[in-house]
Amino acid sequence: MVIGHHSHKIIHASKNGKKGHLCHTAFIGDDSLVSLNVYNHIWDSGRNETDISEGQIREKEVQGVEVGDTADSQDYEQIPKHCYETQQLHGCKNHTGIPQFLLQGFSDDPELQSLLFGLFLCMYLLTVLGNLLIILATCTDTHLHNPMYFFLCNLSFIDICFTSTTVPKMLVNIQTESKNISYIECLTQVYFFITFLGMDNFLLTVMAYDRFVAICHPLKYTVIMNYWLCGFLVLISWIIMSSVSLIHILLMKLLTFSIGTQIPHFFCELALLLNVASSPPLMNNIFLYVTTAMLGAIPATGIIFSYSQILYTLLRMSSLKSKYKAFSTCVSHLSVVSLFYGTGLGVYLSSGVNHSPKRSMIISVMYTLVTPMLNPFIYSLRNKDVKGTLGRLLSKQPVICKNHQTQNK
């Protein structure tokens, strides 16, 4: 990268044949002068001092010198940390050539890292396998082709993507004993993490509405919950969350970060990135609070309203058997909702009361890995249709399609 106006740079230059490091600590002014603090390490034999100490060099004297250009000597010394710790992260390079963050992770103990790697790898594989089986069962068994299982199939797909956003990078860092994550990788992780987290929230809300229509308006269920409406609800959820995530990323591009900024987590979380930013994240915080309030309150209100109406309808039923049958279709969804919002609320309360990064990371594992892993087990163990289909798939028996009333009516 060629030195330009209004930026902090690290350069290597030579004077009188001597190789050395130049640390640029000021802006280029209108008079085309560059104020430099010069750290000149001499490798010529018999030379221990330099004739360059501190001063001003005209821009034309250093024009075209690239950032990170290494010395010819094999005894090249590393650039002093204070030469690059203040440079802006976006739009420039450090001496490694790639702007990076440092993820703190869980532990630096090699033995504990091996244990964590095995544990998280097993949990990740269980999450992917379990949700793939739910998708396969829903797609192959025609009597599961109804709105409830359509949303369940989408939820399983989102859970796989949500977990894959954070866990593979964490596993790679543990295995390679590295804490690095590039600036682009971090922004990408933030984008997909927000998108899939919001999609989880919206799908749980839509599934609550589906249960409300099935129990409170059973005769109109097939008319109201038609495939066009189901597809529209999923599509509008994708559009909303993709747009919100994109705005977050665009606002993040306006911030600056110091090279080597450490993030006290095992993945790039938006709130933590705003806390470690070098520039004031006022607009980012405002947008974060507004979207969190809206995208959190509106779905939660929809779920509470749906189940309040379901409870009112159940209390009006005279038959105990009818009450049990209607409520049994909601148990799996209620369990997933309680797990999702319970862990999310736990993370929020822990961040407000306790500022321990380790404890926050442990709680975060609950909603980033444990919840998606348990969802397939909850739906398969509590749902006879899914359990039967999975049993036939695993035993390689053909799926027998029957025309019968499902539990939705």
Protein backbone atom coordinates (compact mmCIF):
# COMPACT_ATOMS: atom_id res chain seq x y z
CA MET A 1 0.00 0.00 0.00
CA VAL A 2 1.51 3.31 -1.03
CA ILE A 3 1.66 6.00 1.63
CA GLY A 4 -1.19 8.42 1.16
CA HIS A 5 -2.77 11.36 2.92
CA HIS A 6 -4.31 11.18 6.39
CA SER A 7 -3.21 7.75 7.50
CA HIS A 8 -0.78 6.18 9.96
CA LYS A 9 1.86 4.08 8.20
CA ILE A 10 4.73 1.77 8.97
CA ILE A 11 7.43 1.83 6.32
CA HIS A 12 10.89 0.43 5.74
CA ALA A 13 13.40 2.72 4.07
CA SER A 14 17.09 2.98 3.47
CA LYS A 15 19.49 5.88 3.69
CA ASN A 16 23.09 5.67 2.48
CA GLY A 17 22.64 1.94 1.95
CA LYS A 18 21.57 1.26 5.53
CA LYS A 19 18.43 -0.77 6.08
CA GLY A 20 16.05 0.27 8.80
CA HIS A 21 12.51 0.79 10.11
CA LEU A 22 10.66 4.07 9.86
CA CYS A 23 7.65 4.52 12.13
CA HIS A 24 5.20 7.12 10.81
CA THR A 25 3.43 8.74 13.77
CA ALA A 26 1.73 11.79 12.24
CA PHE A 27 -0.45 12.85 9.35
CA ILE A 28 0.79 14.11 5.99
CA GLY A 29 0.22 17.83 5.94
CA ASP A 30 -0.61 20.27 3.20
CA ASP A 31 3.07 21.22 2.84
CA SER A 32 3.81 17.65 1.68
CA LEU A 33 6.00 17.01 4.71
CA VAL A 34 5.84 13.80 6.69
CA SER A 35 6.66 13.98 10.38
CA LEU A 36 8.48 10.79 11.27
CA ASN A 37 9.90 9.09 14.30
CA VAL A 38 12.72 7.06 12.83
CA TYR A 39 13.87 3.76 14.30
CA ASN A 40 16.90 2.89 12.17
CA HIS A 41 18.43 -0.52 12.94
CA ILE A 42 21.84 -0.77 11.21
CA TRP A 43 23.20 -4.13 10.13
CA ASP A 44 26.37 -2.85 8.47
CA SER A 45 29.40 -4.32 10.16
CA GLY A 46 31.10 -1.97 12.58
CA ARG A 47 28.09 0.38 12.65
CA ASN A 48 25.93 0.68 15.75
CA GLU A 49 24.45 4.10 15.32
CA THR A 50 22.45 5.92 12.71
CA ASP A 51 22.64 9.35 11.21
CA ILE A 52 18.80 9.49 11.09
CA SER A 53 17.19 10.28 14.40
CA GLU A 54 14.02 12.31 14.08
CA GLY A 55 12.86 14.94 11.67
CA GLN A 56 10.90 15.58 8.53
CA ILE A 57 11.24 13.93 5.17
CA ARG A 58 9.56 15.26 2.12
CA GLU A 59 6.80 13.12 0.68
CA LYS A 60 8.66 12.57 -2.58
CA GLU A 61 11.52 10.92 -0.67
CA VAL A 62 9.28 8.13 0.62
CA GLN A 63 6.71 8.06 -2.18
CA GLY A 64 6.16 4.51 -3.42
CA VAL A 65 7.56 2.79 -0.37
CA GLU A 66 5.18 -0.02 0.55
CA VAL A 67 3.83 -0.95 3.94
CA GLY A 68 5.43 -4.13 5.23
CA ASP A 69 8.33 -4.06 2.77
CA THR A 70 10.92 -6.23 4.45
CA ALA A 71 14.65 -5.66 4.71
CA ASP A 72 17.02 -7.67 2.63
CA SER A 73 18.99 -8.92 5.59
CA GLN A 74 18.19 -12.33 7.05
CA ASP A 75 18.68 -10.77 10.45
CA TYR A 76 15.58 -8.65 9.94
CA GLU A 77 14.16 -7.60 13.27
CA GLN A 78 10.46 -7.33 13.99
CA ILE A 79 8.88 -3.91 13.92
CA PRO A 80 8.47 -2.45 17.41
CA LYS A 81 4.90 -2.80 18.65
CA HIS A 82 4.46 0.93 19.20
CA CYS A 83 5.10 1.49 15.49
CA TYR A 84 1.79 -0.09 14.48
CA GLU A 85 -0.50 -0.35 17.46
CA THR A 86 -2.32 2.89 16.60
CA GLN A 87 -2.93 2.44 12.91
CA GLN A 88 -6.45 2.12 11.57
CA LEU A 89 -7.59 -1.42 10.92
CA HIS A 90 -9.64 -0.90 7.79
CA GLY A 91 -7.98 0.46 4.68
CA CYS A 92 -4.39 -0.39 5.71
CA LYS A 93 -2.13 -3.29 6.55
CA ASN A 94 0.11 -4.33 9.40
CA HIS A 95 3.46 -6.04 8.90
CA THR A 96 1.71 -9.41 8.46
CA GLY A 97 -0.27 -8.01 5.53
CA ILE A 98 -3.69 -8.93 7.02
CA PRO A 99 -5.61 -6.84 9.59
CA GLN A 100 -6.63 -9.15 12.41
CA PHE A 101 -8.47 -9.37 15.72
CA LEU A 102 -7.50 -11.70 18.54
CA LEU A 103 -10.20 -13.96 19.99
CA GLN A 104 -9.54 -14.67 23.66
CA GLY A 105 -11.15 -18.11 23.66
CA PHE A 106 -11.75 -20.31 26.68
CA SER A 107 -8.27 -21.28 27.82
CA ASP A 108 -4.58 -21.33 26.90
CA ASP A 109 -3.98 -24.63 28.70
CA PRO A 110 -3.07 -27.25 26.00
CA GLU A 111 -4.68 -30.13 27.93
CA LEU A 112 -7.91 -28.20 28.46
CA GLN A 113 -7.92 -27.10 24.82
CA SER A 114 -7.76 -30.73 23.68
CA LEU A 115 -10.70 -31.55 25.92
CA LEU A 116 -12.69 -28.56 24.67
CA PHE A 117 -11.91 -29.44 21.05
CA GLY A 118 -13.26 -32.97 21.46
CA LEU A 119 -16.34 -31.77 23.36
CA PHE A 120 -17.29 -29.01 20.94
CA LEU A 121 -16.59 -31.16 17.89
CA CYS A 122 -18.94 -33.88 19.17
CA MET A 123 -21.64 -31.33 19.98
CA TYR A 124 -21.29 -29.71 16.56
CA LEU A 125 -21.52 -33.04 14.73
CA LEU A 126 -24.59 -33.99 16.78
CA THR A 127 -26.19 -30.65 15.93
CA VAL A 128 -25.60 -31.02 12.20
CA LEU A 129 -26.60 -34.70 12.09
CA GLY A 130 -29.74 -34.24 14.21
CA ASN A 131 -31.04 -31.29 12.22
CA LEU A 132 -30.22 -32.97 8.91
CA LEU A 133 -32.31 -35.97 9.98
CA ILE A 134 -35.24 -33.66 10.78
CA ILE A 135 -34.94 -32.06 7.32
CA LEU A 136 -34.66 -35.47 5.64
CA ALA A 137 -37.66 -36.85 7.52
CA THR A 138 -39.79 -33.80 6.67
CA CYS A 139 -38.88 -33.89 2.98
CA THR A 140 -39.30 -37.63 2.43
CA ASP A 141 -42.54 -38.30 4.32
CA THR A 142 -45.47 -36.74 2.47
CA HIS A 143 -47.84 -36.74 5.46
CA LEU A 144 -45.38 -34.34 7.14
CA HIS A 145 -45.88 -31.85 4.33
CA ASN A 146 -47.93 -29.36 6.32
CA PRO A 147 -47.21 -25.88 7.75
CA MET A 148 -45.95 -27.03 11.16
CA TYR A 149 -43.28 -29.31 9.68
CA PHE A 150 -42.48 -26.79 6.94
CA PHE A 151 -41.47 -24.31 9.65
CA LEU A 152 -39.68 -27.05 11.58
CA CYS A 153 -37.65 -27.91 8.48
CA ASN A 154 -36.65 -24.26 8.09
CA LEU A 155 -35.78 -24.04 11.79
CA SER A 156 -33.47 -27.06 11.48
CA PHE A 157 -31.74 -25.52 8.47
CA ILE A 158 -31.27 -22.21 10.33
CA ASP A 159 -29.88 -24.04 13.38
CA ILE A 160 -27.23 -25.75 11.22
CA CYS A 161 -26.22 -22.43 9.67
CA PHE A 162 -26.31 -20.62 13.02
CA THR A 163 -23.97 -23.12 14.66
CA SER A 164 -21.70 -23.26 11.62
CA THR A 165 -21.18 -19.51 11.82
CA THR A 166 -19.15 -19.68 15.03
CA VAL A 167 -18.13 -23.24 15.95
CA PRO A 168 -15.89 -24.24 12.98
CA LYS A 169 -13.68 -21.16 13.43
CA MET A 170 -13.46 -21.84 17.15
CA LEU A 171 -12.43 -25.46 16.47
CA VAL A 172 -9.78 -24.34 13.96
CA ASN A 173 -8.33 -21.85 16.44
CA ILE A 174 -8.19 -24.47 19.20
CA GLN A 175 -6.55 -27.04 16.93
CA THR A 176 -3.96 -24.60 15.53
CA GLU A 177 -3.45 -22.88 18.90
CA SER A 178 -4.18 -19.57 17.22
CA LYS A 179 -6.39 -16.68 18.31
CA ASN A 180 -6.39 -14.77 15.04
CA ILE A 181 -9.45 -13.86 13.01
CA SER A 182 -9.15 -11.49 10.08
CA TYR A 183 -11.14 -8.28 9.83
CA ILE A 184 -13.17 -9.61 6.88
CA GLU A 185 -13.84 -12.94 8.61
CA CYS A 186 -15.00 -11.11 11.72
CA LEU A 187 -17.45 -8.90 9.81
CA THR A 188 -18.74 -11.93 7.92
CA GLN A 189 -19.25 -13.79 11.19
CA VAL A 190 -21.15 -10.82 12.67
CA TYR A 191 -23.40 -10.58 9.59
CA PHE A 192 -24.45 -14.24 9.52
CA PHE A 193 -24.66 -14.51 13.32
CA ILE A 194 -27.19 -11.65 13.49
CA THR A 195 -29.11 -12.98 10.48
CA PHE A 196 -29.50 -16.55 11.73
CA LEU A 197 -30.16 -15.50 15.33
CA GLY A 198 -32.98 -13.25 14.14
CA MET A 199 -34.31 -15.97 11.84
CA ASP A 200 -34.49 -18.36 14.79
CA ASN A 201 -36.50 -15.76 16.68
CA PHE A 202 -38.90 -15.10 13.81
CA LEU A 203 -39.45 -18.79 13.02
CA LEU A 204 -40.33 -19.55 16.64
CA THR A 205 -42.86 -16.71 16.50
CA VAL A 206 -44.38 -17.98 13.24
CA MET A 207 -44.58 -21.50 14.68
CA ALA A 208 -46.44 -20.12 17.71
CA TYR A 209 -48.92 -18.45 15.36
CA ASP A 210 -49.31 -21.75 13.51
CA ARG A 211 -50.24 -23.50 16.80
CA PHE A 212 -52.65 -20.67 17.62
CA VAL A 213 -54.53 -21.07 14.32
CA ALA A 214 -54.52 -24.90 14.58
CA ILE A 215 -56.03 -24.96 18.09
CA CYS A 216 -58.18 -21.83 18.17
CA HIS A 217 -59.44 -21.95 14.55
CA PRO A 218 -59.16 -25.61 13.49
CA LEU A 219 -61.85 -25.41 10.80
CA LYS A 220 -60.08 -22.51 9.07
CA TYR A 221 -56.56 -23.87 9.52
CA THR A 222 -55.96 -25.08 5.95
CA VAL A 223 -57.46 -21.87 4.54
CA ILE A 224 -55.43 -19.48 6.72
CA MET A 225 -52.14 -21.40 6.82
CA ASN A 226 -51.85 -22.01 3.11
CA TYR A 227 -48.48 -22.58 1.43
CA TRP A 228 -48.41 -19.07 -0.01
CA LEU A 229 -48.68 -17.50 3.45
CA CYS A 230 -46.11 -19.90 4.93
CA GLY A 231 -43.61 -19.10 2.19
CA PHE A 232 -44.28 -15.37 2.53
CA LEU A 233 -43.69 -15.41 6.30
CA VAL A 234 -40.32 -17.16 5.88
CA LEU A 235 -39.31 -14.89 2.99
CA ILE A 236 -40.16 -11.66 4.81
CA SER A 237 -38.19 -12.90 7.82
CA TRP A 238 -35.13 -13.42 5.60
CA ILE A 239 -35.51 -9.96 4.05
CA ILE A 240 -35.84 -8.20 7.42
CA MET A 241 -32.88 -9.92 9.05
CA SER A 242 -30.63 -9.63 5.99
CA SER A 243 -31.34 -5.90 5.82
CA VAL A 244 -30.76 -5.34 9.54
CA SER A 245 -27.48 -7.29 9.43
CA LEU A 246 -26.29 -5.38 6.37
CA ILE A 247 -26.93 -2.02 8.06
CA HIS A 248 -24.97 -3.20 11.11
CA ILE A 249 -22.01 -4.12 8.88
CA LEU A 250 -22.12 -0.81 6.98
CA LEU A 251 -22.08 1.08 10.28
CA MET A 252 -19.20 -1.11 11.46
CA LYS A 253 -17.19 -0.08 8.40
CA LEU A 254 -17.23 3.50 9.73
CA LEU A 255 -15.40 2.49 12.91
CA THR A 256 -11.67 2.13 13.45
CA PHE A 257 -9.88 -0.50 15.53
CA SER A 258 -6.34 -0.89 16.76
CA ILE A 259 -4.24 -3.66 15.24
CA GLY A 260 -4.26 -6.71 17.48
CA THR A 261 -7.44 -5.74 19.32
CA GLN A 262 -8.42 -8.56 21.67
CA ILE A 263 -12.06 -9.67 21.79
CA PRO A 264 -12.99 -11.36 25.10
CA HIS A 265 -15.04 -14.10 23.44
CA PHE A 266 -14.70 -17.16 21.21
CA PHE A 267 -16.42 -15.43 18.28
CA CYS A 268 -17.03 -11.91 17.00
CA GLU A 269 -20.03 -10.58 18.87
CA LEU A 270 -21.37 -7.19 17.78
CA ALA A 271 -21.71 -5.65 21.24
CA LEU A 272 -18.15 -6.60 22.19
CA LEU A 273 -16.76 -5.22 18.93
CA LEU A 274 -18.42 -1.89 19.62
CA ASN A 275 -16.86 -1.85 23.10
CA VAL A 276 -13.31 -2.30 21.79
CA ALA A 277 -13.63 0.17 18.88
CA SER A 278 -11.16 3.06 18.83
CA SER A 279 -13.72 5.53 17.46
CA PRO A 280 -17.01 6.42 19.21
CA PRO A 281 -19.73 3.92 18.16
CA LEU A 282 -22.67 6.23 18.91
CA MET A 283 -24.70 5.50 15.78
CA ASN A 284 -23.93 1.79 16.07
CA ASN A 285 -25.17 1.66 19.66
CA ILE A 286 -28.36 3.56 18.84
CA PHE A 287 -29.18 1.26 15.93
CA LEU A 288 -28.27 -1.80 18.02
CA TYR A 289 -30.58 -0.79 20.89
CA VAL A 290 -33.48 0.09 18.56
CA THR A 291 -33.28 -3.12 16.51
CA THR A 292 -32.78 -5.29 19.59
CA ALA A 293 -35.84 -3.75 21.24
CA MET A 294 -38.00 -4.12 18.14
CA LEU A 295 -36.81 -7.54 16.96
CA GLY A 296 -36.91 -8.86 20.49
CA ALA A 297 -40.13 -7.33 21.77
CA ILE A 298 -42.33 -7.89 18.71
CA PRO A 299 -41.68 -11.66 18.32
CA ALA A 300 -41.89 -12.20 22.09
CA THR A 301 -45.21 -10.35 22.17
CA GLY A 302 -46.49 -12.50 19.30
CA ILE A 303 -45.55 -15.71 21.12
CA ILE A 304 -47.14 -14.56 24.40
CA PHE A 305 -50.33 -13.51 22.60
CA SER A 306 -50.57 -16.82 20.70
CA TYR A 307 -50.19 -18.95 23.81
CA SER A 308 -52.52 -16.78 25.85
CA GLN A 309 -55.21 -17.43 23.25
CA ILE A 310 -54.33 -21.13 23.19
CA LEU A 311 -54.62 -21.32 26.98
CA TYR A 312 -57.98 -19.52 26.88
CA THR A 313 -59.26 -22.00 24.26
CA LEU A 314 -58.02 -25.01 26.24
CA LEU A 315 -59.79 -23.81 29.39
CA ARG A 316 -63.07 -23.63 27.46
CA MET A 317 -62.79 -27.25 26.28
CA SER A 318 -64.98 -29.64 28.23
CA SER A 319 -63.19 -32.88 27.33
CA LEU A 320 -59.96 -33.61 29.21
CA LYS A 321 -58.80 -35.80 26.33
CA SER A 322 -59.26 -32.94 23.85
CA LYS A 323 -57.29 -30.61 26.12
CA TYR A 324 -54.41 -33.07 26.37
CA LYS A 325 -54.36 -33.76 22.62
CA ALA A 326 -54.37 -30.06 21.75
CA PHE A 327 -51.73 -29.15 24.33
CA SER A 328 -49.45 -32.06 23.34
CA THR A 329 -48.93 -30.44 19.93
CA CYS A 330 -47.47 -27.38 21.68
CA VAL A 331 -45.13 -29.06 24.15
CA SER A 332 -42.17 -29.39 21.78
CA HIS A 333 -42.46 -25.80 20.59
CA LEU A 334 -42.84 -24.48 24.13
CA SER A 335 -39.72 -26.38 25.18
CA VAL A 336 -37.66 -24.90 22.35
CA VAL A 337 -39.00 -21.39 23.01
CA SER A 338 -38.19 -21.67 26.71
CA LEU A 339 -34.67 -22.90 25.94
CA PHE A 340 -34.04 -20.18 23.34
CA TYR A 341 -35.33 -17.22 25.34
CA GLY A 342 -34.05 -18.62 28.63
CA THR A 343 -30.45 -18.82 27.45
CA GLY A 344 -30.72 -15.45 25.69
CA LEU A 345 -32.06 -13.83 28.84
CA GLY A 346 -29.30 -15.51 30.82
CA VAL A 347 -26.63 -13.97 28.58
CA TYR A 348 -28.23 -10.53 28.89
CA LEU A 349 -28.50 -10.66 32.67
CA SER A 350 -25.00 -12.07 33.11
CA SER A 351 -23.50 -9.29 30.98
CA GLY A 352 -25.29 -6.69 33.08
CA VAL A 353 -24.49 -8.14 36.50
CA ASN A 354 -21.24 -10.04 36.03
CA HIS A 355 -18.44 -8.77 33.80
CA SER A 356 -16.50 -12.05 33.78
CA PRO A 357 -15.67 -12.92 30.14
CA LYS A 358 -15.29 -16.62 30.96
CA ARG A 359 -18.77 -16.87 32.45
CA SER A 360 -20.29 -14.95 29.53
CA MET A 361 -18.61 -17.33 27.07
CA ILE A 362 -19.94 -20.39 28.91
CA ILE A 363 -23.48 -19.01 28.86
CA SER A 364 -23.10 -18.09 25.18
CA VAL A 365 -22.32 -21.73 24.39
CA MET A 366 -25.84 -22.53 25.59
CA TYR A 367 -27.62 -20.60 22.84
CA THR A 368 -24.98 -20.93 20.12
CA LEU A 369 -24.43 -24.68 20.42
CA VAL A 370 -26.51 -26.44 23.08
CA THR A 371 -29.93 -25.11 22.01
CA PRO A 372 -29.51 -26.01 18.29
CA MET A 373 -28.19 -29.42 19.35
CA LEU A 374 -31.20 -30.17 21.60
CA ASN A 375 -33.92 -28.96 19.20
CA PRO A 376 -33.96 -32.15 17.04
CA PHE A 377 -34.11 -34.34 20.15
CA ILE A 378 -36.98 -32.30 21.59
CA TYR A 379 -39.05 -32.53 18.40
CA SER A 380 -38.25 -36.17 17.69
CA LEU A 381 -38.86 -37.44 21.23
CA ARG A 382 -42.11 -35.51 21.75
CA ASN A 383 -43.58 -35.99 18.28
CA LYS A 384 -44.89 -39.40 17.21
CA ASP A 385 -44.96 -38.52 13.50
CA VAL A 386 -41.33 -37.40 13.41
CA LYS A 387 -40.24 -40.29 15.63
CA GLY A 388 -41.97 -42.80 13.36
CA THR A 389 -40.50 -41.33 10.19
CA LEU A 390 -36.98 -41.23 11.65
CA GLY A 391 -37.36 -44.83 12.79
CA ARG A 392 -38.26 -45.94 9.28
CA LEU A 393 -35.40 -43.92 7.77
CA LEU A 394 -32.80 -45.34 10.12
CA SER A 395 -34.08 -48.90 9.62
CA LYS A 396 -34.16 -48.33 5.83
CA GLN A 397 -37.84 -49.24 5.62
CA PRO A 398 -39.96 -47.55 2.96
CA VAL A 399 -42.15 -44.70 4.13
CA ILE A 400 -45.83 -45.62 3.94
CA CYS A 401 -47.95 -42.63 3.08
CA LYS A 402 -51.41 -42.58 4.58
CA ASN A 403 -54.29 -40.24 4.28
CA HIS A 404 -55.12 -39.41 7.84
CA GLN A 405 -55.79 -36.48 10.05
CA THR A 406 -52.64 -34.95 11.53
CA GLN A 407 -52.38 -33.42 14.92
CA ASN A 408 -52.81 -29.95 13.50
CA LYS A 409 -56.57 -30.31 13.25
